[in-house]
C-alpha cells in the first residue's frame, strides 16, 4: 500500500535549485521564441517546480510554528503587507 501521499505530488527538490530552474524557464518563455511543444513542456515543468517550492515553504512554516510553540515563544501572526508599508 502507498505511503499515503498522492502520486501526483511533486517530488522533493532542493528549494534553491528549483527557484533557479524556475527563473531560467520564465526567462526562456518570456523570450517567446520556443516552439509550442517546448513551451508547453517548459510550462509543465514550471508548474511542477512551483508546487514543489510551495510545499517546501509550507513545511518550513510548519517547522517554525512547531519550534515557536515548543519554545513558548511568540505566536505566529498572519503577514499583512499593508502594515509594512506604513513603517
N, C-alpha and C. Protein backbone atom coordinates (compact mmCIF):
# COMPACT_ATOMS: atom_id res chain seq x y z
N UNK A 1 0.84 -1.19 0.00
CA UNK A 1 0.00 0.00 0.00
C UNK A 1 0.88 1.24 0.00
N UNK A 2 0.51 2.31 -0.75
CA UNK A 2 1.33 3.52 -0.81
C UNK A 2 1.44 4.17 0.55
N UNK A 3 2.38 5.08 0.66
CA UNK A 3 2.66 5.74 1.93
C UNK A 3 1.67 6.84 2.25
N UNK A 4 0.56 6.93 1.53
CA UNK A 4 -0.47 7.91 1.85
C UNK A 4 -0.36 9.19 1.06
N UNK A 5 0.72 9.38 0.34
CA UNK A 5 0.87 10.59 -0.46
C UNK A 5 0.34 10.33 -1.86
N UNK A 6 -0.24 11.33 -2.45
CA UNK A 6 -0.75 11.21 -3.80
C UNK A 6 0.42 11.04 -4.78
N UNK A 7 0.20 10.25 -5.79
CA UNK A 7 1.26 10.01 -6.76
C UNK A 7 1.60 11.26 -7.55
N UNK A 8 0.67 12.19 -7.70
CA UNK A 8 0.95 13.38 -8.48
C UNK A 8 1.58 14.50 -7.67
N UNK A 9 1.88 14.25 -6.40
CA UNK A 9 2.57 15.26 -5.59
C UNK A 9 3.98 15.43 -6.13
N UNK A 10 4.48 16.66 -6.11
CA UNK A 10 5.84 16.88 -6.59
C UNK A 10 6.86 16.20 -5.69
N UNK A 11 7.89 15.67 -6.32
CA UNK A 11 8.97 15.05 -5.55
C UNK A 11 9.77 16.16 -4.89
N UNK A 12 10.33 15.87 -3.71
CA UNK A 12 11.14 16.90 -3.05
C UNK A 12 12.31 17.33 -3.93
N UNK A 13 12.47 18.62 -4.07
CA UNK A 13 13.54 19.19 -4.87
C UNK A 13 14.21 20.24 -4.00
N UNK A 14 15.51 20.39 -4.16
CA UNK A 14 16.23 21.43 -3.45
C UNK A 14 15.58 22.78 -3.79
N UNK A 15 15.13 23.50 -2.77
CA UNK A 15 14.37 24.74 -2.98
C UNK A 15 15.14 25.73 -3.85
N UNK A 16 16.39 25.96 -3.53
CA UNK A 16 17.17 26.95 -4.27
C UNK A 16 17.37 26.52 -5.71
N UNK A 17 17.60 25.23 -5.94
CA UNK A 17 17.77 24.73 -7.31
C UNK A 17 16.46 24.87 -8.08
N UNK A 18 15.35 24.59 -7.42
CA UNK A 18 14.06 24.73 -8.07
C UNK A 18 13.79 26.18 -8.45
N UNK A 19 14.14 27.10 -7.58
CA UNK A 19 13.95 28.52 -7.88
C UNK A 19 14.81 28.95 -9.06
N UNK A 20 16.06 28.48 -9.10
CA UNK A 20 16.92 28.81 -10.25
C UNK A 20 16.33 28.26 -11.54
N UNK A 21 15.86 27.02 -11.50
CA UNK A 21 15.24 26.42 -12.68
C UNK A 21 14.01 27.21 -13.12
N UNK A 22 13.21 27.62 -12.15
CA UNK A 22 12.02 28.41 -12.47
C UNK A 22 12.40 29.72 -13.15
N UNK A 23 13.41 30.38 -12.62
CA UNK A 23 13.85 31.65 -13.22
C UNK A 23 14.31 31.45 -14.65
N UNK A 24 15.04 30.36 -14.90
CA UNK A 24 15.51 30.08 -16.26
C UNK A 24 14.34 29.79 -17.19
N UNK A 25 13.37 29.02 -16.71
CA UNK A 25 12.20 28.69 -17.53
C UNK A 25 11.42 29.95 -17.87
N UNK A 26 11.19 30.80 -16.87
CA UNK A 26 10.45 32.05 -17.11
C UNK A 26 11.18 32.90 -18.14
N UNK A 27 12.48 32.99 -18.01
CA UNK A 27 13.27 33.79 -18.96
C UNK A 27 13.11 33.24 -20.38
N UNK A 28 13.20 31.91 -20.51
CA UNK A 28 13.05 31.29 -21.84
C UNK A 28 11.65 31.52 -22.40
N UNK A 29 10.64 31.40 -21.55
CA UNK A 29 9.26 31.60 -22.02
C UNK A 29 9.01 33.06 -22.37
N UNK A 30 9.60 33.98 -21.63
CA UNK A 30 9.39 35.40 -21.91
C UNK A 30 9.98 35.81 -23.25
N UNK A 31 11.04 35.13 -23.67
CA UNK A 31 11.63 35.45 -24.97
C UNK A 31 10.66 35.11 -26.10
N UNK A 32 9.82 34.11 -25.89
CA UNK A 32 8.79 33.78 -26.86
C UNK A 32 9.27 33.11 -28.13
N UNK A 33 10.50 32.62 -28.14
CA UNK A 33 11.00 32.01 -29.36
C UNK A 33 11.02 30.47 -29.32
N UNK A 34 10.41 29.88 -28.29
CA UNK A 34 10.34 28.43 -28.20
C UNK A 34 9.18 27.91 -29.04
N UNK A 35 9.36 26.75 -29.66
CA UNK A 35 8.23 26.13 -30.35
C UNK A 35 7.14 25.77 -29.33
N UNK A 36 5.93 25.60 -29.82
CA UNK A 36 4.79 25.36 -28.96
C UNK A 36 5.02 24.17 -28.03
N UNK A 37 5.46 23.05 -28.55
CA UNK A 37 5.65 21.85 -27.72
C UNK A 37 6.68 22.07 -26.63
N UNK A 38 7.77 22.76 -26.95
CA UNK A 38 8.79 23.07 -25.94
C UNK A 38 8.24 24.03 -24.89
N UNK A 39 7.44 24.99 -25.33
CA UNK A 39 6.83 25.93 -24.40
C UNK A 39 5.91 25.20 -23.43
N UNK A 40 5.10 24.29 -23.95
CA UNK A 40 4.21 23.52 -23.09
C UNK A 40 4.98 22.66 -22.10
N UNK A 41 6.04 22.03 -22.57
CA UNK A 41 6.86 21.19 -21.69
C UNK A 41 7.52 22.05 -20.60
N UNK A 42 8.01 23.22 -20.99
CA UNK A 42 8.63 24.13 -20.02
C UNK A 42 7.60 24.61 -19.01
N UNK A 43 6.39 24.92 -19.48
CA UNK A 43 5.33 25.36 -18.58
C UNK A 43 4.97 24.25 -17.60
N UNK A 44 4.85 23.02 -18.07
CA UNK A 44 4.54 21.89 -17.19
C UNK A 44 5.62 21.73 -16.13
N UNK A 45 6.87 21.86 -16.53
CA UNK A 45 7.98 21.76 -15.57
C UNK A 45 7.90 22.89 -14.56
N UNK A 46 7.57 24.09 -15.01
CA UNK A 46 7.46 25.23 -14.11
C UNK A 46 6.36 25.02 -13.09
N UNK A 47 5.24 24.46 -13.52
CA UNK A 47 4.14 24.19 -12.59
C UNK A 47 4.59 23.18 -11.54
N UNK A 48 5.28 22.14 -11.96
CA UNK A 48 5.77 21.13 -11.02
C UNK A 48 6.76 21.75 -10.02
N UNK A 49 7.66 22.58 -10.53
CA UNK A 49 8.64 23.23 -9.65
C UNK A 49 7.95 24.19 -8.68
N UNK A 50 6.95 24.90 -9.15
CA UNK A 50 6.20 25.82 -8.29
C UNK A 50 5.53 25.07 -7.15
N UNK A 51 4.91 23.95 -7.48
CA UNK A 51 4.26 23.15 -6.44
C UNK A 51 5.28 22.63 -5.44
N UNK A 52 6.42 22.23 -5.92
CA UNK A 52 7.47 21.74 -5.03
C UNK A 52 7.94 22.85 -4.10
N UNK A 53 8.12 24.05 -4.63
CA UNK A 53 8.55 25.19 -3.81
C UNK A 53 7.48 25.55 -2.78
N UNK A 54 6.23 25.54 -3.21
CA UNK A 54 5.16 25.85 -2.28
C UNK A 54 5.12 24.83 -1.14
N UNK A 55 5.32 23.56 -1.46
CA UNK A 55 5.32 22.52 -0.43
C UNK A 55 6.50 22.72 0.52
N UNK A 56 7.66 23.07 -0.02
CA UNK A 56 8.84 23.30 0.82
C UNK A 56 8.62 24.49 1.75
N UNK A 57 8.02 25.55 1.24
CA UNK A 57 7.75 26.73 2.06
C UNK A 57 6.73 26.43 3.15
N UNK A 58 5.71 25.66 2.80
CA UNK A 58 4.69 25.28 3.78
C UNK A 58 5.31 24.44 4.89
N UNK A 59 6.16 23.51 4.50
CA UNK A 59 6.84 22.67 5.51
C UNK A 59 7.73 23.52 6.41
N UNK A 60 8.44 24.46 5.83
CA UNK A 60 9.30 25.34 6.63
C UNK A 60 8.46 26.16 7.60
N UNK A 61 7.33 26.66 7.13
CA UNK A 61 6.44 27.43 8.00
C UNK A 61 5.95 26.58 9.17
N UNK A 62 5.58 25.34 8.88
CA UNK A 62 5.11 24.45 9.94
C UNK A 62 6.22 24.15 10.94
N UNK A 63 7.42 23.97 10.46
CA UNK A 63 8.54 23.70 11.37
C UNK A 63 8.81 24.89 12.28
N UNK A 64 8.72 26.10 11.73
CA UNK A 64 8.92 27.30 12.54
C UNK A 64 7.84 27.40 13.61
N UNK A 65 6.59 27.13 13.21
CA UNK A 65 5.49 27.18 14.18
C UNK A 65 5.71 26.17 15.30
N UNK A 66 6.15 24.98 14.98
CA UNK A 66 6.41 23.95 15.99
C UNK A 66 7.52 24.41 16.93
N UNK A 67 8.58 24.96 16.36
CA UNK A 67 9.69 25.43 17.20
C UNK A 67 9.26 26.55 18.13
N UNK A 68 8.44 27.46 17.61
CA UNK A 68 7.97 28.55 18.46
C UNK A 68 7.07 28.05 19.58
N UNK A 69 6.22 27.08 19.27
CA UNK A 69 5.35 26.52 20.30
C UNK A 69 6.15 25.80 21.37
N UNK A 70 7.16 25.03 20.95
CA UNK A 70 7.99 24.31 21.91
C UNK A 70 8.76 25.26 22.81
N UNK A 71 9.19 26.37 22.23
CA UNK A 71 9.97 27.33 22.99
C UNK A 71 9.08 28.25 23.82
N UNK A 72 7.77 28.14 23.63
CA UNK A 72 6.86 29.01 24.35
C UNK A 72 7.02 30.46 23.93
N UNK A 73 7.51 30.63 22.72
CA UNK A 73 7.79 31.98 22.22
C UNK A 73 6.58 32.65 21.63
N UNK A 74 6.86 33.60 20.82
CA UNK A 74 5.82 34.42 20.20
C UNK A 74 4.91 33.57 19.33
N UNK A 75 3.69 34.06 19.19
CA UNK A 75 2.74 33.38 18.34
C UNK A 75 2.92 33.84 16.90
N UNK A 76 2.64 32.95 15.99
CA UNK A 76 2.74 33.27 14.58
C UNK A 76 1.51 34.08 14.19
N UNK A 77 1.76 35.20 13.50
CA UNK A 77 0.67 36.05 13.05
C UNK A 77 0.67 36.07 11.53
N UNK A 78 -0.51 36.29 10.96
CA UNK A 78 -0.61 36.41 9.51
C UNK A 78 0.12 37.68 9.07
N UNK A 79 0.78 37.59 7.93
CA UNK A 79 1.51 38.72 7.37
C UNK A 79 0.55 39.65 6.65
N UNK A 80 0.63 40.93 6.95
CA UNK A 80 -0.18 41.93 6.29
C UNK A 80 0.77 42.92 5.62
N UNK A 81 0.93 42.83 4.30
CA UNK A 81 1.90 43.71 3.62
C UNK A 81 1.57 45.19 3.76
N UNK A 82 0.30 45.53 3.98
CA UNK A 82 -0.08 46.94 4.14
C UNK A 82 0.52 47.54 5.40
N UNK A 83 0.69 46.71 6.44
CA UNK A 83 1.27 47.19 7.70
C UNK A 83 2.74 47.56 7.52
N UNK A 84 3.46 46.84 6.68
CA UNK A 84 4.90 47.11 6.48
C UNK A 84 5.11 48.38 5.68
N UNK A 85 4.15 48.77 4.85
CA UNK A 85 4.28 49.99 4.05
C UNK A 85 4.19 51.24 4.93
N UNK A 86 3.46 51.13 6.02
CA UNK A 86 3.24 52.28 6.91
C UNK A 86 4.47 52.56 7.77
N UNK A 87 5.39 51.61 7.86
CA UNK A 87 6.55 51.77 8.74
C UNK A 87 7.61 52.60 8.10
